Amino acid sequence: MSNKLYVGGLPYSVTEGQLQEIFAAHGTVESAKVIADKFTGQSRGFGFVEMGSGGEARKAIDGLNGTQLEGRSLMVNEAKPMVKRDNDGGGRGDRNGGRNRW
């Protein structure tokens, strides 16, 4: 099992420090990242936590998946590998936003 976890259903007010504290009860937390909107900076309601080992990751999943945090139900599972997207920035057909610039 991988030691990187996906955490969904986070309250928008949760910080990376709080996320690390929550998972530290289940083992060594290598990193904790709350994903934020790149334009507004507001949390998108999910994040990633990297635990010290696969066993600690399993313990965190078993202990936290389905639990409540500030009225929201957490979804904790093994993170899937990031898939490289092969797009040109929005599906506009070409890199010039659909316009012929010359």
Protein backbone atom coordinates (compact mmCIF):
# COMPACT_ATOMS: atom_id res chain seq x y z
CA MET A 1 0.00 0.00 0.00
CA SER A 2 1.14 3.52 -0.80
CA ASN A 3 1.63 5.96 2.04
CA LYS A 4 -0.04 8.89 0.22
CA LEU A 5 -3.70 9.48 1.09
CA TYR A 6 -6.51 11.46 -0.48
CA VAL A 7 -8.72 13.28 2.03
CA GLY A 8 -12.10 14.51 0.77
CA GLY A 9 -14.98 16.25 2.50
CA LEU A 10 -12.75 18.70 4.36
CA PRO A 11 -14.41 21.76 5.86
CA TYR A 12 -13.27 24.83 3.94
CA SER A 13 -11.80 26.30 7.13
CA VAL A 14 -9.30 23.47 7.76
CA THR A 15 -5.63 24.44 7.53
CA GLU A 16 -2.68 22.25 6.63
CA GLY A 17 -1.58 22.37 10.29
CA GLN A 18 -4.95 21.10 11.46
CA LEU A 19 -4.91 18.37 8.82
CA GLN A 20 -1.48 17.27 10.03
CA GLU A 21 -2.70 17.19 13.65
CA ILE A 22 -5.71 15.05 12.76
CA PHE A 23 -3.56 12.44 11.01
CA ALA A 24 -0.69 12.53 13.54
CA ALA A 25 -2.86 10.52 15.94
CA HIS A 26 -2.51 7.59 13.49
CA GLY A 27 1.23 7.75 12.77
CA THR A 28 4.02 9.91 11.41
CA VAL A 29 2.84 12.57 8.99
CA GLU A 30 5.45 13.35 6.33
CA SER A 31 3.36 16.08 4.69
CA ALA A 32 -0.16 17.50 4.66
CA LYS A 33 -1.51 19.65 1.83
CA VAL A 34 -4.93 21.30 1.54
CA ILE A 35 -5.72 22.03 -2.11
CA ALA A 36 -6.82 25.60 -2.74
CA ASP A 37 -8.38 27.37 -5.71
CA LYS A 38 -5.56 29.06 -7.60
CA PHE A 39 -7.54 32.25 -8.17
CA THR A 40 -9.32 32.80 -4.84
CA GLY A 41 -7.00 30.89 -2.50
CA GLN A 42 -10.03 29.26 -0.81
CA SER A 43 -9.85 25.59 0.09
CA ARG A 44 -11.45 23.25 -2.46
CA GLY A 45 -12.50 20.85 0.31
CA PHE A 46 -9.89 18.15 -0.24
CA GLY A 47 -6.23 17.50 0.32
CA PHE A 48 -3.44 14.95 0.49
CA VAL A 49 -1.54 13.50 3.44
CA GLU A 50 1.64 11.49 3.18
CA MET A 51 2.16 9.11 6.09
CA GLY A 52 5.47 7.60 7.22
CA SER A 53 4.62 4.07 6.03
CA GLY A 54 1.94 2.04 4.29
CA GLY A 55 0.90 0.55 7.64
CA GLU A 56 0.37 3.99 9.14
CA ALA A 57 -1.60 5.00 6.05
CA ARG A 58 -3.87 1.95 6.48
CA LYS A 59 -4.33 2.81 10.16
CA ALA A 60 -5.31 6.39 9.25
CA ILE A 61 -7.81 5.17 6.63
CA ASP A 62 -9.37 2.74 9.09
CA GLY A 63 -9.51 5.36 11.85
CA LEU A 64 -10.66 8.42 9.92
CA ASN A 65 -12.69 7.38 6.88
CA GLY A 66 -16.33 8.26 7.47
CA THR A 67 -15.70 10.30 10.61
CA GLN A 68 -17.20 13.77 11.11
CA LEU A 69 -15.18 16.98 11.14
CA GLU A 70 -17.07 20.23 11.70
CA GLY A 71 -20.26 18.61 10.42
CA ARG A 72 -18.71 17.13 7.28
CA SER A 73 -17.99 13.47 6.65
CA LEU A 74 -14.36 12.75 5.77
CA MET A 75 -13.50 10.42 2.92
CA VAL A 76 -9.99 9.01 3.35
CA ASN A 77 -8.48 6.55 0.90
CA GLU A 78 -5.28 5.75 -0.93
CA ALA A 79 -4.36 8.51 -3.38
CA LYS A 80 -4.31 7.53 -7.02
CA PRO A 81 -1.20 8.44 -9.02
CA MET A 82 -1.44 11.77 -10.81
CA VAL A 83 -2.27 11.29 -14.47
CA LYS A 84 -0.49 13.53 -16.91
CA ARG A 85 -3.08 15.47 -18.84
CA ASP A 86 -2.37 15.95 -22.50
CA ASN A 87 -4.42 19.02 -23.22
CA ASP A 88 -3.74 22.47 -24.57
CA GLY A 89 -5.30 24.52 -21.81
CA GLY A 90 -9.04 24.29 -22.07
CA GLY A 91 -9.89 22.24 -25.11
CA ARG A 92 -10.02 25.17 -27.48
CA GLY A 93 -8.49 23.26 -30.34
CA ASP A 94 -5.17 25.04 -30.55
CA ARG A 95 -2.80 27.02 -28.36
CA ASN A 96 -4.03 30.39 -29.67
CA GLY A 97 -7.46 30.16 -28.09
CA GLY A 98 -9.09 29.20 -31.38
CA ARG A 99 -7.92 32.27 -33.25
CA ASN A 100 -5.52 32.47 -36.08
CA ARG A 101 -3.12 35.10 -34.88
CA TRP A 102 -1.22 35.54 -38.18
